[in-house]
C-alpha atoms as a PDB file:
ATOM      1  CA  MET A   1     110.146  75.085 -32.202  1.00  0.00           C
ATOM      2  CA  LYS A   2     108.394  74.418 -35.481  1.00  0.00           C
ATOM      3  CA  ASN A   3     111.671  74.915 -37.402  1.00  0.00           C
ATOM      4  CA  GLY A   4     113.360  72.374 -35.139  1.00  0.00           C
ATOM      5  CA  LYS A   5     110.883  69.691 -36.245  1.00  0.00           C
ATOM      6  CA  TYR A   6     111.641  70.410 -39.893  1.00  0.00           C
ATOM      7  CA  ILE A   7     115.370  70.211 -39.313  1.00  0.00           C
ATOM      8  CA  TRP A   8     115.001  66.805 -37.651  1.00  0.00           C
ATOM      9  CA  LEU A   9     112.719  65.570 -40.430  1.00  0.00           C
ATOM     10  CA  PHE A  10     115.199  66.826 -43.025  1.00  0.00           C
ATOM     11  CA  LEU A  11     118.108  65.076 -41.264  1.00  0.00           C
ATOM     12  CA  ILE A  12     116.222  61.791 -40.905  1.00  0.00           C
ATOM     13  CA  PHE A  13     115.090  61.934 -44.541  1.00  0.00           C
ATOM     14  CA  GLY A  14     118.671  62.636 -45.660  1.00  0.00           C
ATOM     15  CA  ILE A  15     120.021  59.681 -43.671  1.00  0.00           C
ATOM     16  CA  ILE A  16     117.382  57.373 -45.160  1.00  0.00           C
ATOM     17  CA  ILE A  17     118.322  58.483 -48.676  1.00  0.00           C
ATOM     18  CA  LEU A  18     122.022  58.008 -47.945  1.00  0.00           C
ATOM     19  CA  LEU A  19     121.512  54.509 -46.538  1.00  0.00           C
ATOM     20  CA  SER A  20     119.214  53.493 -49.379  1.00  0.00           C
ATOM     21  CA  ASN A  21     121.844  54.554 -51.928  1.00  0.00           C
ATOM     22  CA  ILE A  22     124.425  52.403 -50.184  1.00  0.00           C
ATOM     23  CA  SER A  23     122.223  49.327 -50.255  1.00  0.00           C
ATOM     24  CA  VAL A  24     121.250  49.849 -53.905  1.00  0.00           C
ATOM     25  CA  ASN A  25     124.897  49.683 -54.978  1.00  0.00           C
ATOM     26  CA  THR A  26     125.622  46.383 -53.240  1.00  0.00           C
ATOM     27  CA  GLN A  27     124.568  43.017 -54.596  1.00  0.00           C
ATOM     28  CA  GLU A  28     124.989  40.443 -51.891  1.00  0.00           C
ATOM     29  CA  VAL A  29     124.965  36.760 -52.771  1.00  0.00           C
ATOM     30  CA  PRO A  30     125.384  33.686 -50.554  1.00  0.00           C
ATOM     31  CA  HIS A  31     128.932  32.349 -50.511  1.00  0.00           C
ATOM     32  CA  HIS A  32     130.011  29.653 -48.024  1.00  0.00           C
ATOM     33  CA  GLU A  33     127.469  30.578 -45.360  1.00  0.00           C
ATOM     34  CA  ASN A  34     128.109  34.328 -45.739  1.00  0.00           C
ATOM     35  CA  LEU A  35     126.445  37.082 -47.707  1.00  0.00           C
ATOM     36  CA  VAL A  36     129.035  38.945 -49.768  1.00  0.00           C
ATOM     37  CA  ASP A  37     128.890  41.755 -52.298  1.00  0.00           C
ATOM     38  CA  HIS A  38     129.901  40.064 -55.541  1.00  0.00           C
ATOM     39  CA  ASN A  39     130.717  43.436 -57.146  1.00  0.00           C
ATOM     40  CA  ASP A  40     133.383  44.384 -54.593  1.00  0.00           C
ATOM     41  CA  PRO A  41     136.810  42.981 -55.559  1.00  0.00           C
ATOM     42  CA  ASN A  42     138.252  43.826 -52.141  1.00  0.00           C
ATOM     43  CA  ILE A  43     135.787  41.567 -50.331  1.00  0.00           C
ATOM     44  CA  CYS A  44     137.578  38.452 -51.659  1.00  0.00           C
ATOM     45  CA  LEU A  45     140.723  39.253 -49.715  1.00  0.00           C
ATOM     46  CA  THR A  46     138.878  39.607 -46.410  1.00  0.00           C
ATOM     47  CA  CYS A  47     138.509  35.820 -46.249  1.00  0.00           C
ATOM     48  CA  HIS A  48     140.737  34.306 -48.938  1.00  0.00           C
ATOM     49  CA  ASP A  49     143.976  35.140 -47.183  1.00  0.00           C
ATOM     50  CA  GLY A  50     144.857  31.649 -46.017  1.00  0.00           C
ATOM     51  CA  ALA A  51     143.742  32.312 -42.442  1.00  0.00           C
ATOM     52  CA  ILE A  52     139.943  32.205 -42.762  1.00  0.00           C
ATOM     53  CA  ALA A  53     139.475  30.581 -46.165  1.00  0.00           C
ATOM     54  CA  LYS A  54     141.716  28.988 -48.759  1.00  0.00           C
ATOM     55  CA  ASN A  55     144.454  31.323 -49.936  1.00  0.00           C
ATOM     56  CA  ILE A  56     143.831  32.618 -53.458  1.00  0.00           C
ATOM     57  CA  THR A  57     146.712  31.089 -55.354  1.00  0.00           C
ATOM     58  CA  PRO A  58     145.173  28.569 -57.763  1.00  0.00           C
ATOM     59  CA  CYS A  59     145.156  30.940 -60.754  1.00  0.00           C
ATOM     60  CA  THR A  60     148.693  29.902 -61.661  1.00  0.00           C
ATOM     61  CA  LYS A  61     151.675  28.392 -59.899  1.00  0.00           C
ATOM     62  CA  SER A  62     152.513  31.854 -58.573  1.00  0.00           C
ATOM     63  CA  SER A  63     150.305  33.986 -56.411  1.00  0.00           C
ATOM     64  CA  CYS A  64     147.454  35.913 -58.025  1.00  0.00           C
ATOM     65  CA  LEU A  65     147.637  38.542 -55.357  1.00  0.00           C
ATOM     66  CA  LEU A  66     149.626  41.729 -55.224  1.00  0.00           C
ATOM     67  CA  ASP A  67     153.107  40.447 -56.101  1.00  0.00           C
ATOM     68  CA  PRO A  68     154.062  42.383 -59.274  1.00  0.00           C
ATOM     69  CA  ASN A  69     156.510  39.615 -60.194  1.00  0.00           C
ATOM     70  CA  ALA A  70     153.840  36.923 -60.060  1.00  0.00           C
ATOM     71  CA  SER A  71     152.734  35.493 -63.360  1.00  0.00           C
ATOM     72  CA  HIS A  72     149.250  36.927 -62.835  1.00  0.00           C
ATOM     73  CA  PRO A  73     149.074  39.827 -60.377  1.00  0.00           C
ATOM     74  CA  VAL A  74     145.733  41.478 -59.700  1.00  0.00           C
ATOM     75  CA  PHE A  75     144.797  45.060 -58.866  1.00  0.00           C
ATOM     76  CA  ARG A  76     146.990  46.130 -61.798  1.00  0.00           C
ATOM     77  CA  THR A  77     146.111  48.373 -64.729  1.00  0.00           C
ATOM     78  CA  TYR A  78     144.895  46.598 -67.853  1.00  0.00           C
ATOM     79  CA  PRO A  79     146.667  46.319 -70.200  1.00  0.00           C
ATOM     80  CA  PRO A  80     150.038  46.502 -68.428  1.00  0.00           C
ATOM     81  CA  ASP A  81     152.107  49.551 -69.322  1.00  0.00           C
ATOM     82  CA  GLY A  82     154.463  48.838 -72.190  1.00  0.00           C
ATOM     83  CA  LYS A  83     152.759  45.536 -73.047  1.00  0.00           C
ATOM     84  CA  GLU A  84     149.659  46.839 -74.806  1.00  0.00           C
ATOM     85  CA  SER A  85     150.469  44.909 -78.012  1.00  0.00           C
ATOM     86  CA  GLU A  86     150.364  41.598 -76.090  1.00  0.00           C
ATOM     87  CA  PHE A  87     146.815  42.133 -74.811  1.00  0.00           C
ATOM     88  CA  ALA A  88     143.358  42.574 -76.312  1.00  0.00           C
ATOM     89  CA  PRO A  89     141.831  46.068 -76.064  1.00  0.00           C
ATOM     90  CA  SER A  90     139.928  46.687 -72.828  1.00  0.00           C
ATOM     91  CA  SER A  91     136.690  47.352 -74.733  1.00  0.00           C
ATOM     92  CA  GLN A  92     136.905  43.882 -76.311  1.00  0.00           C
ATOM     93  CA  VAL A  93     137.714  42.255 -72.970  1.00  0.00           C
ATOM     94  CA  GLU A  94     134.772  43.919 -71.223  1.00  0.00           C
ATOM     95  CA  ALA A  95     132.435  43.042 -74.104  1.00  0.00           C
ATOM     96  CA  ALA A  96     133.400  39.385 -73.564  1.00  0.00           C
ATOM     97  CA  GLY A  97     132.251  39.565 -69.915  1.00  0.00           C
ATOM     98  CA  ILE A  98     135.476  40.339 -68.074  1.00  0.00           C
ATOM     99  CA  LYS A  99     134.913  43.155 -65.619  1.00  0.00           C
ATOM    100  CA  LEU A 100     137.619  45.791 -65.187  1.00  0.00           C
ATOM    101  CA  THR A 101     137.301  47.804 -61.999  1.00  0.00           C
ATOM    102  CA  ASN A 102     138.553  51.343 -62.582  1.00  0.00           C
ATOM    103  CA  GLY A 103     140.595  49.990 -65.509  1.00  0.00           C
ATOM    104  CA  LYS A 104     142.217  47.271 -63.413  1.00  0.00           C
ATOM    105  CA  ILE A 105     142.205  43.476 -63.334  1.00  0.00           C
ATOM    106  CA  THR A 106     140.762  42.301 -60.018  1.00  0.00           C
ATOM    107  CA  CYS A 107     139.411  39.055 -58.608  1.00  0.00           C
ATOM    108  CA  ILE A 108     135.982  39.795 -60.072  1.00  0.00           C
ATOM    109  CA  SER A 109     137.449  40.205 -63.552  1.00  0.00           C
ATOM    110  CA  CYS A 110     137.591  36.415 -63.882  1.00  0.00           C
ATOM    111  CA  HIS A 111     135.301  35.275 -61.045  1.00  0.00           C
ATOM    112  CA  ASN A 112     131.606  35.942 -60.441  1.00  0.00           C
ATOM    113  CA  LEU A 113     129.965  34.479 -57.346  1.00  0.00           C
ATOM    114  CA  ILE A 114     126.588  34.353 -59.059  1.00  0.00           C
ATOM    115  CA  ILE A 115     127.994  31.560 -61.238  1.00  0.00           C
ATOM    116  CA  GLN A 116     127.794  28.419 -59.133  1.00  0.00           C
ATOM    117  CA  GLU A 117     130.290  26.310 -61.110  1.00  0.00           C
ATOM    118  CA  ASP A 118     133.692  25.456 -59.612  1.00  0.00           C
ATOM    119  CA  PHE A 119     135.930  28.518 -59.287  1.00  0.00           C
ATOM    120  CA  HIS A 120     133.013  30.834 -60.287  1.00  0.00           C
ATOM    121  CA  LEU A 121     134.672  31.640 -63.636  1.00  0.00           C
ATOM    122  CA  VAL A 122     132.949  34.301 -65.767  1.00  0.00           C
ATOM    123  CA  MET A 123     133.256  31.980 -68.771  1.00  0.00           C
ATOM    124  CA  GLU A 124     134.299  28.429 -69.494  1.00  0.00           C
ATOM    125  CA  ASN A 125     138.087  28.125 -69.678  1.00  0.00           C
ATOM    126  CA  TRP A 126     138.174  25.153 -72.051  1.00  0.00           C
ATOM    127  CA  ARG A 127     141.295  25.463 -74.225  1.00  0.00           C
ATOM    128  CA  SER A 128     142.218  28.536 -72.153  1.00  0.00           C
ATOM    129  CA  ARG A 129     139.299  30.567 -73.523  1.00  0.00           C
ATOM    130  CA  LEU A 130     139.213  32.816 -70.463  1.00  0.00           C
ATOM    131  CA  CYS A 131     142.958  33.427 -70.562  1.00  0.00           C
ATOM    132  CA  LYS A 132     142.984  34.072 -74.304  1.00  0.00           C
ATOM    133  CA  THR A 133     140.274  36.700 -73.964  1.00  0.00           C
ATOM    134  CA  CYS A 134     142.968  39.042 -72.619  1.00  0.00           C
ATOM    135  CA  HIS A 135     146.261  37.443 -73.630  1.00  0.00           C
ATOM    136  CA  LYS A 136     146.974  37.469 -77.375  1.00  0.00           C
ATOM    137  CA  ARG A 137     149.654  34.769 -77.258  1.00  0.00           C
END
């Protein structure tokens, strides 16, 4: 019976550690009456799909989402294969404050919900500064 108590204590302790690790990795911030993890690029699409919140298409005239033919698709490897000479090195881009998630451009590459300015841009885009951080032309 004594061993049974230790097993239960071990299981409970393990669950507490597991749950605490999950919460440490998330950074929730208020965003339109919700708390969202501003480090999770997939969270944007749960609302910004046009049904719940405004569709995410203002980046350019084409959709920013998953269309590979769009002028600015996301969830794509940076720099695009075969176009490395047209883009700044990823180390330079990340040093400027653009976050690559597993080497990919995502919503949170250009947007950070902690920044309360319009569009939550990671940097001012005056004279296309944000765009020119990645694009050489």
